Amino acid sequence: MTNYKRKKNPYRRKRNPYRKVYALGQHISLSAHKARRVIDQIRGCSYEQILTILELMPYRVCYPILKLVYSAAANASHNWDFQKTNLVISKAEVSKGTTVKKLKPRARGRGYPIKRTACHIRIVLQDTSWYEWYEYEQATRYLL
């Protein structure tokens, strides 16, 4: 009888404290410059702070960013069993997307060029509960 080595299930996910969860929004029809203005305000904040900041800001770009933050938090809680209250934005970046060029008809048969810009937004969340536990363990290590 031959002994076969049992294979590990590749689909089982372990909870990795260094795991980063991200959400990517591509071809959002907004200016990258205007999106960066809002992203700079929320970088490094916790999940609950981000929700309050984005809901109170009066800019049009806040809604797509809010949807991306919701999506990244849902990915973290569903795929990796992270608590939403422990999530922090570790990285948020905006890159320039495609530009659609059009002609707007004007008087006397002329046309003025119009550029519709798009951007790509990437939001990366990280769980902070492991770091708090590690610091607590290091602090109480020599007390026992």
N, C-alpha and C. Protein backbone atom coordinates (compact mmCIF):
# COMPACT_ATOMS: atom_id res chain seq x y z
N MET A 1 0.83 -1.17 0.00
CA MET A 1 0.00 0.00 0.00
C MET A 1 0.88 1.24 0.00
N THR A 2 0.58 2.15 -0.89
CA THR A 2 1.39 3.37 -0.98
C THR A 2 0.80 4.46 -0.10
N ASN A 3 1.68 5.22 0.45
CA ASN A 3 1.26 6.33 1.29
C ASN A 3 1.29 7.62 0.47
N TYR A 4 0.14 8.18 0.29
CA TYR A 4 0.05 9.45 -0.41
C TYR A 4 0.00 10.58 0.60
N LYS A 5 0.75 11.60 0.31
CA LYS A 5 0.75 12.75 1.19
C LYS A 5 -0.52 13.56 0.94
N ARG A 6 -1.19 13.89 2.00
CA ARG A 6 -2.44 14.63 1.87
C ARG A 6 -2.14 16.08 1.50
N LYS A 7 -2.82 16.56 0.48
CA LYS A 7 -2.60 17.93 0.03
C LYS A 7 -3.40 18.89 0.90
N LYS A 8 -2.83 20.07 1.10
CA LYS A 8 -3.53 21.11 1.84
C LYS A 8 -4.56 21.76 0.92
N ASN A 9 -5.61 22.22 1.52
CA ASN A 9 -6.65 22.90 0.77
C ASN A 9 -6.14 24.29 0.39
N PRO A 10 -5.97 24.57 -0.90
CA PRO A 10 -5.44 25.88 -1.29
C PRO A 10 -6.45 27.00 -1.13
N TYR A 11 -7.72 26.66 -0.95
CA TYR A 11 -8.75 27.69 -0.86
C TYR A 11 -9.01 28.16 0.56
N ARG A 12 -8.40 27.52 1.52
CA ARG A 12 -8.58 27.92 2.91
C ARG A 12 -7.71 29.14 3.18
N ARG A 13 -8.31 30.14 3.78
CA ARG A 13 -7.58 31.37 4.04
C ARG A 13 -7.30 31.51 5.53
N LYS A 14 -6.06 31.77 5.84
CA LYS A 14 -5.69 32.00 7.22
C LYS A 14 -5.70 33.50 7.48
N ARG A 15 -5.91 33.84 8.72
CA ARG A 15 -5.92 35.24 9.09
C ARG A 15 -4.49 35.71 9.25
N ASN A 16 -4.07 36.54 8.36
CA ASN A 16 -2.71 37.05 8.34
C ASN A 16 -2.72 38.48 8.88
N PRO A 17 -1.95 38.77 9.92
CA PRO A 17 -2.00 40.12 10.49
C PRO A 17 -1.43 41.18 9.55
N TYR A 18 -0.59 40.78 8.62
CA TYR A 18 0.00 41.74 7.70
C TYR A 18 -0.83 41.90 6.44
N ARG A 19 -1.97 41.23 6.38
CA ARG A 19 -2.80 41.24 5.18
C ARG A 19 -3.39 42.62 4.96
N LYS A 20 -3.32 43.07 3.71
CA LYS A 20 -3.91 44.34 3.34
C LYS A 20 -5.02 44.08 2.33
N VAL A 21 -6.13 44.72 2.54
CA VAL A 21 -7.30 44.53 1.69
C VAL A 21 -7.50 45.80 0.89
N TYR A 22 -7.80 45.65 -0.39
CA TYR A 22 -7.92 46.84 -1.22
C TYR A 22 -9.18 46.80 -2.06
N ALA A 23 -9.53 47.98 -2.54
CA ALA A 23 -10.61 48.14 -3.51
C ALA A 23 -10.11 49.11 -4.57
N LEU A 24 -10.43 48.81 -5.80
CA LEU A 24 -9.93 49.59 -6.92
C LEU A 24 -11.10 50.07 -7.76
N GLY A 25 -11.14 51.38 -7.98
CA GLY A 25 -12.17 51.96 -8.85
C GLY A 25 -11.50 52.54 -10.08
N GLN A 26 -11.85 52.02 -11.23
CA GLN A 26 -11.21 52.48 -12.46
C GLN A 26 -12.19 53.25 -13.32
N HIS A 27 -11.66 54.16 -14.11
CA HIS A 27 -12.41 54.95 -15.08
C HIS A 27 -13.54 55.73 -14.42
N ILE A 28 -13.25 56.35 -13.29
CA ILE A 28 -14.21 57.22 -12.63
C ILE A 28 -14.11 58.58 -13.30
N SER A 29 -15.21 59.08 -13.78
CA SER A 29 -15.17 60.31 -14.59
C SER A 29 -15.07 61.54 -13.70
N LEU A 30 -13.91 61.71 -13.13
CA LEU A 30 -13.58 62.85 -12.29
C LEU A 30 -12.14 63.23 -12.56
N SER A 31 -11.81 64.44 -12.22
CA SER A 31 -10.44 64.89 -12.36
C SER A 31 -9.57 64.27 -11.27
N ALA A 32 -8.38 63.83 -11.62
CA ALA A 32 -7.48 63.23 -10.64
C ALA A 32 -7.04 64.26 -9.61
N HIS A 33 -6.92 65.50 -10.03
CA HIS A 33 -6.51 66.58 -9.12
C HIS A 33 -7.57 66.80 -8.04
N LYS A 34 -8.84 66.78 -8.43
CA LYS A 34 -9.92 66.98 -7.46
C LYS A 34 -10.07 65.77 -6.54
N ALA A 35 -9.81 64.58 -7.06
CA ALA A 35 -9.90 63.38 -6.22
C ALA A 35 -8.77 63.35 -5.20
N ARG A 36 -7.59 63.80 -5.58
CA ARG A 36 -6.46 63.82 -4.65
C ARG A 36 -6.71 64.76 -3.48
N ARG A 37 -7.45 65.83 -3.74
CA ARG A 37 -7.75 66.80 -2.69
C ARG A 37 -8.54 66.13 -1.55
N VAL A 38 -9.43 65.22 -1.89
CA VAL A 38 -10.23 64.53 -0.87
C VAL A 38 -9.45 63.35 -0.28
N ILE A 39 -8.72 62.63 -1.11
CA ILE A 39 -7.95 61.47 -0.65
C ILE A 39 -6.90 61.88 0.38
N ASP A 40 -6.30 63.06 0.21
CA ASP A 40 -5.30 63.53 1.16
C ASP A 40 -5.91 63.78 2.54
N GLN A 41 -7.20 64.07 2.60
CA GLN A 41 -7.87 64.32 3.88
C GLN A 41 -8.12 63.03 4.65
N ILE A 42 -8.34 61.91 3.95
CA ILE A 42 -8.73 60.68 4.63
C ILE A 42 -7.59 59.68 4.79
N ARG A 43 -6.44 59.95 4.24
CA ARG A 43 -5.33 59.00 4.32
C ARG A 43 -4.86 58.87 5.77
N GLY A 44 -4.79 57.62 6.26
CA GLY A 44 -4.34 57.36 7.62
C GLY A 44 -5.44 57.36 8.67
N CYS A 45 -6.68 57.62 8.28
CA CYS A 45 -7.79 57.67 9.24
C CYS A 45 -8.39 56.28 9.43
N SER A 46 -9.15 56.13 10.50
CA SER A 46 -9.84 54.87 10.75
C SER A 46 -11.12 54.82 9.91
N TYR A 47 -11.72 53.65 9.86
CA TYR A 47 -12.90 53.43 9.01
C TYR A 47 -14.07 54.32 9.43
N GLU A 48 -14.32 54.43 10.73
CA GLU A 48 -15.44 55.23 11.21
C GLU A 48 -15.21 56.72 10.95
N GLN A 49 -13.98 57.18 11.10
CA GLN A 49 -13.67 58.58 10.81
C GLN A 49 -13.86 58.90 9.34
N ILE A 50 -13.48 57.96 8.48
CA ILE A 50 -13.61 58.16 7.04
C ILE A 50 -15.06 58.36 6.65
N LEU A 51 -15.94 57.54 7.23
CA LEU A 51 -17.36 57.65 6.88
C LEU A 51 -17.92 59.01 7.26
N THR A 52 -17.57 59.51 8.43
CA THR A 52 -18.09 60.82 8.84
C THR A 52 -17.49 61.94 8.01
N ILE A 53 -16.20 61.84 7.69
CA ILE A 53 -15.56 62.89 6.90
C ILE A 53 -16.16 62.96 5.51
N LEU A 54 -16.31 61.81 4.86
CA LEU A 54 -16.81 61.80 3.49
C LEU A 54 -18.28 62.19 3.39
N GLU A 55 -19.07 61.86 4.40
CA GLU A 55 -20.48 62.24 4.36
C GLU A 55 -20.68 63.74 4.55
N LEU A 56 -19.75 64.40 5.23
CA LEU A 56 -19.91 65.82 5.50
C LEU A 56 -19.21 66.72 4.48
N MET A 57 -18.34 66.18 3.67
CA MET A 57 -17.65 67.00 2.67
C MET A 57 -18.58 67.32 1.50
N PRO A 58 -18.54 68.53 0.98
CA PRO A 58 -19.50 68.93 -0.06
C PRO A 58 -19.04 68.69 -1.49
N TYR A 59 -18.11 67.78 -1.71
CA TYR A 59 -17.57 67.59 -3.06
C TYR A 59 -18.22 66.41 -3.76
N ARG A 60 -18.26 66.48 -5.07
CA ARG A 60 -18.87 65.42 -5.87
C ARG A 60 -18.05 64.14 -5.85
N VAL A 61 -16.77 64.26 -5.66
CA VAL A 61 -15.88 63.10 -5.69
C VAL A 61 -16.03 62.24 -4.43
N CYS A 62 -16.66 62.76 -3.40
CA CYS A 62 -16.79 62.01 -2.14
C CYS A 62 -17.62 60.75 -2.29
N TYR A 63 -18.64 60.78 -3.13
CA TYR A 63 -19.52 59.62 -3.26
C TYR A 63 -18.80 58.41 -3.86
N PRO A 64 -18.05 58.53 -4.97
CA PRO A 64 -17.31 57.35 -5.46
C PRO A 64 -16.26 56.84 -4.48
N ILE A 65 -15.62 57.75 -3.75
CA ILE A 65 -14.63 57.33 -2.76
C ILE A 65 -15.32 56.60 -1.61
N LEU A 66 -16.48 57.08 -1.20
CA LEU A 66 -17.24 56.43 -0.14
C LEU A 66 -17.66 55.02 -0.56
N LYS A 67 -18.05 54.86 -1.81
CA LYS A 67 -18.41 53.53 -2.31
C LYS A 67 -17.20 52.60 -2.30
N LEU A 68 -16.03 53.12 -2.63
CA LEU A 68 -14.82 52.30 -2.61
C LEU A 68 -14.44 51.89 -1.19
N VAL A 69 -14.60 52.80 -0.24
CA VAL A 69 -14.28 52.48 1.15
C VAL A 69 -15.24 51.41 1.66
N TYR A 70 -16.54 51.54 1.34
CA TYR A 70 -17.51 50.51 1.70
C TYR A 70 -17.12 49.16 1.10
N SER A 71 -16.70 49.17 -0.16
CA SER A 71 -16.34 47.94 -0.84
C SER A 71 -15.12 47.29 -0.21
N ALA A 72 -14.11 48.10 0.11
CA ALA A 72 -12.90 47.55 0.73
C ALA A 72 -13.21 46.98 2.11
N ALA A 73 -14.07 47.65 2.87
CA ALA A 73 -14.43 47.15 4.20
C ALA A 73 -15.25 45.86 4.09
N ALA A 74 -16.11 45.77 3.08
CA ALA A 74 -16.88 44.55 2.88
C ALA A 74 -15.96 43.40 2.48
N ASN A 75 -14.95 43.69 1.65
CA ASN A 75 -13.97 42.67 1.29
C ASN A 75 -13.21 42.18 2.53
N ALA A 76 -12.86 43.10 3.41
CA ALA A 76 -12.11 42.74 4.61
C ALA A 76 -12.94 41.89 5.55
N SER A 77 -14.20 42.25 5.73
CA SER A 77 -15.02 41.50 6.69
C SER A 77 -15.48 40.16 6.11
N HIS A 78 -15.75 40.11 4.83
CA HIS A 78 -16.25 38.87 4.23
C HIS A 78 -15.14 37.88 3.93
N ASN A 79 -14.07 38.35 3.33
CA ASN A 79 -13.00 37.44 2.89
C ASN A 79 -12.01 37.09 3.99
N TRP A 80 -11.74 38.02 4.90
CA TRP A 80 -10.67 37.80 5.87
C TRP A 80 -11.13 37.90 7.32
N ASP A 81 -12.40 38.06 7.58
CA ASP A 81 -12.96 38.11 8.93
C ASP A 81 -12.36 39.23 9.78
N PHE A 82 -12.06 40.36 9.18
CA PHE A 82 -11.59 41.51 9.93
C PHE A 82 -12.79 42.29 10.46
N GLN A 83 -12.62 42.91 11.61
CA GLN A 83 -13.66 43.78 12.16
C GLN A 83 -13.55 45.15 11.49
N LYS A 84 -14.69 45.72 11.12
CA LYS A 84 -14.66 47.01 10.44
C LYS A 84 -14.16 48.13 11.34
N THR A 85 -14.35 47.99 12.64
CA THR A 85 -13.91 49.05 13.56
C THR A 85 -12.40 49.10 13.70
N ASN A 86 -11.70 48.03 13.34
CA ASN A 86 -10.24 47.99 13.47
C ASN A 86 -9.51 48.34 12.19
N LEU A 87 -10.23 48.72 11.15
CA LEU A 87 -9.59 48.99 9.86
C LEU A 87 -9.10 50.43 9.77
N VAL A 88 -7.94 50.58 9.13
CA VAL A 88 -7.32 51.89 8.93
C VAL A 88 -6.84 51.95 7.49
N ILE A 89 -6.95 53.12 6.87
CA ILE A 89 -6.42 53.27 5.52
C ILE A 89 -4.90 53.35 5.60
N SER A 90 -4.25 52.35 5.06
CA SER A 90 -2.79 52.36 5.06
C SER A 90 -2.24 53.00 3.79
N LYS A 91 -3.03 52.97 2.72
CA LYS A 91 -2.57 53.55 1.46
C LYS A 91 -3.79 53.97 0.66
N ALA A 92 -3.72 55.14 0.07
CA ALA A 92 -4.78 55.62 -0.81
C ALA A 92 -4.10 56.41 -1.92
N GLU A 93 -4.35 56.02 -3.14
CA GLU A 93 -3.68 56.69 -4.25
C GLU A 93 -4.65 56.93 -5.39
N VAL A 94 -4.39 58.01 -6.10
CA VAL A 94 -5.20 58.39 -7.26
C VAL A 94 -4.25 58.52 -8.43
N SER A 95 -4.57 57.86 -9.52
CA SER A 95 -3.76 57.98 -10.72
C SER A 95 -4.63 58.47 -11.87
N LYS A 96 -3.99 59.10 -12.80
CA LYS A 96 -4.70 59.68 -13.93
C LYS A 96 -5.14 58.58 -14.88
N GLY A 97 -6.38 58.67 -15.33
CA GLY A 97 -6.92 57.68 -16.25
C GLY A 97 -6.92 58.21 -17.68
N THR A 98 -7.85 57.71 -18.46
CA THR A 98 -7.94 58.10 -19.86
C THR A 98 -8.62 59.46 -19.99
N THR A 99 -8.36 60.10 -21.11
CA THR A 99 -8.99 61.38 -21.43
C THR A 99 -9.75 61.22 -22.73
N VAL A 100 -11.05 61.50 -22.69
CA VAL A 100 -11.88 61.43 -23.89
C VAL A 100 -11.97 62.83 -24.47
N LYS A 101 -11.60 62.95 -25.73
CA LYS A 101 -11.61 64.26 -26.38
C LYS A 101 -12.83 64.37 -27.29
N LYS A 102 -13.57 65.45 -27.12
CA LYS A 102 -14.77 65.70 -27.92
C LYS A 102 -14.68 67.09 -28.53
N LEU A 103 -15.57 67.34 -29.47
CA LEU A 103 -15.70 68.68 -30.04
C LEU A 103 -17.09 69.22 -29.74
N LYS A 104 -17.13 70.41 -29.17
CA LYS A 104 -18.41 71.04 -28.91
C LYS A 104 -18.71 71.99 -30.06
N PRO A 105 -19.87 71.84 -30.71
CA PRO A 105 -20.19 72.73 -31.82
C PRO A 105 -20.40 74.17 -31.35
N ARG A 106 -19.81 75.09 -32.11
CA ARG A 106 -19.93 76.51 -31.80
C ARG A 106 -20.46 77.25 -33.03
N ALA A 107 -20.53 78.54 -32.95
CA ALA A 107 -21.09 79.34 -34.03
C ALA A 107 -20.18 79.32 -35.26
N ARG A 108 -20.80 79.51 -36.42
CA ARG A 108 -20.12 79.61 -37.72
C ARG A 108 -19.35 78.34 -38.08
N GLY A 109 -19.84 77.20 -37.66
CA GLY A 109 -19.25 75.94 -38.07
C GLY A 109 -17.97 75.57 -37.35
N ARG A 110 -17.67 76.25 -36.30
CA ARG A 110 -16.45 75.95 -35.56
C ARG A 110 -16.73 74.92 -34.47
N GLY A 111 -15.67 74.42 -33.89
CA GLY A 111 -15.81 73.47 -32.78
C GLY A 111 -14.73 73.72 -31.75
N TYR A 112 -15.12 73.68 -30.49
CA TYR A 112 -14.17 73.84 -29.40
C TYR A 112 -13.88 72.47 -28.79
N PRO A 113 -12.61 72.18 -28.51
CA PRO A 113 -12.29 70.87 -27.91
C PRO A 113 -12.69 70.81 -26.44
N ILE A 114 -13.23 69.67 -26.05
CA ILE A 114 -13.58 69.41 -24.65
C ILE A 114 -12.87 68.13 -24.24
N LYS A 115 -12.24 68.16 -23.08
CA LYS A 115 -11.53 66.99 -22.57
C LYS A 115 -12.24 66.48 -21.33
N ARG A 116 -12.69 65.23 -21.39
CA ARG A 116 -13.34 64.58 -20.25
C ARG A 116 -12.31 63.66 -19.61
N THR A 117 -11.85 64.02 -18.43
CA THR A 117 -10.80 63.24 -17.77
C THR A 117 -11.42 62.18 -16.87
N ALA A 118 -10.67 61.12 -16.65
CA ALA A 118 -11.07 60.05 -15.74
C ALA A 118 -9.88 59.74 -14.83
N CYS A 119 -10.15 59.05 -13.73
CA CYS A 119 -9.08 58.71 -12.81
C CYS A 119 -9.31 57.31 -12.25
N HIS A 120 -8.25 56.73 -11.71
CA HIS A 120 -8.30 55.44 -11.06
C HIS A 120 -7.97 55.66 -9.58
N ILE A 121 -8.80 55.12 -8.71
CA ILE A 121 -8.60 55.29 -7.27
C ILE A 121 -8.39 53.92 -6.64
N ARG A 122 -7.36 53.81 -5.82
CA ARG A 122 -7.06 52.57 -5.11
C ARG A 122 -6.98 52.87 -3.62
N ILE A 123 -7.77 52.12 -2.85
CA ILE A 123 -7.81 52.31 -1.40
C ILE A 123 -7.40 50.99 -0.74
N VAL A 124 -6.42 51.06 0.16
CA VAL A 124 -5.90 49.87 0.84
C VAL A 124 -6.17 50.01 2.33
N LEU A 125 -6.84 49.01 2.90
CA LEU A 125 -7.15 48.99 4.33
C LEU A 125 -6.30 47.94 5.03
N GLN A 126 -5.97 48.21 6.30
CA GLN A 126 -5.18 47.27 7.08
C GLN A 126 -5.80 47.13 8.46
N ASP A 127 -5.72 45.93 9.02
CA ASP A 127 -6.28 45.64 10.33
C ASP A 127 -5.28 46.04 11.41
N THR A 128 -5.74 46.75 12.44
CA THR A 128 -4.84 47.22 13.49
C THR A 128 -4.97 46.43 14.78
N SER A 129 -5.89 45.49 14.87
CA SER A 129 -6.10 44.77 16.13
C SER A 129 -4.89 43.91 16.49
N TRP A 130 -4.21 43.35 15.50
CA TRP A 130 -3.05 42.51 15.79
C TRP A 130 -1.92 43.33 16.39
N TYR A 131 -1.72 44.55 15.90
CA TYR A 131 -0.65 45.40 16.41
C TYR A 131 -0.92 45.80 17.86
N GLU A 132 -2.20 46.07 18.18
CA GLU A 132 -2.54 46.40 19.56
C GLU A 132 -2.27 45.21 20.48
N TRP A 133 -2.61 44.01 20.05
CA TRP A 133 -2.36 42.81 20.85
C TRP A 133 -0.86 42.60 21.03
N TYR A 134 -0.08 42.80 19.97
CA TYR A 134 1.36 42.59 20.03
C TYR A 134 2.01 43.58 20.99
N GLU A 135 1.59 44.85 20.94
CA GLU A 135 2.14 45.84 21.86
C GLU A 135 1.78 45.50 23.31
N TYR A 136 0.57 45.01 23.53
CA TYR A 136 0.15 44.61 24.87
C TYR A 136 1.00 43.44 25.37
N GLU A 137 1.25 42.48 24.51
CA GLU A 137 2.08 41.32 24.89
C GLU A 137 3.50 41.76 25.22
N GLN A 138 4.05 42.69 24.44
CA GLN A 138 5.40 43.15 24.70
C GLN A 138 5.48 43.93 26.01
N ALA A 139 4.42 44.69 26.31
CA ALA A 139 4.43 45.48 27.54
C ALA A 139 4.28 44.61 28.78
N THR A 140 3.47 43.56 28.69
CA THR A 140 3.22 42.71 29.87
C THR A 140 4.14 41.50 29.93
N ARG A 141 5.07 41.40 29.05
CA ARG A 141 5.94 40.23 28.97
C ARG A 141 6.82 40.06 30.21
N TYR A 142 7.37 41.16 30.68
CA TYR A 142 8.31 41.09 31.80
C TYR A 142 7.64 41.33 33.15
N LEU A 143 6.35 41.57 33.15
CA LEU A 143 5.66 41.83 34.41
C LEU A 143 5.29 40.55 35.14
N LEU A 144 5.20 39.44 34.43
CA LEU A 144 4.78 38.19 35.06
C LEU A 144 5.89 37.47 35.77
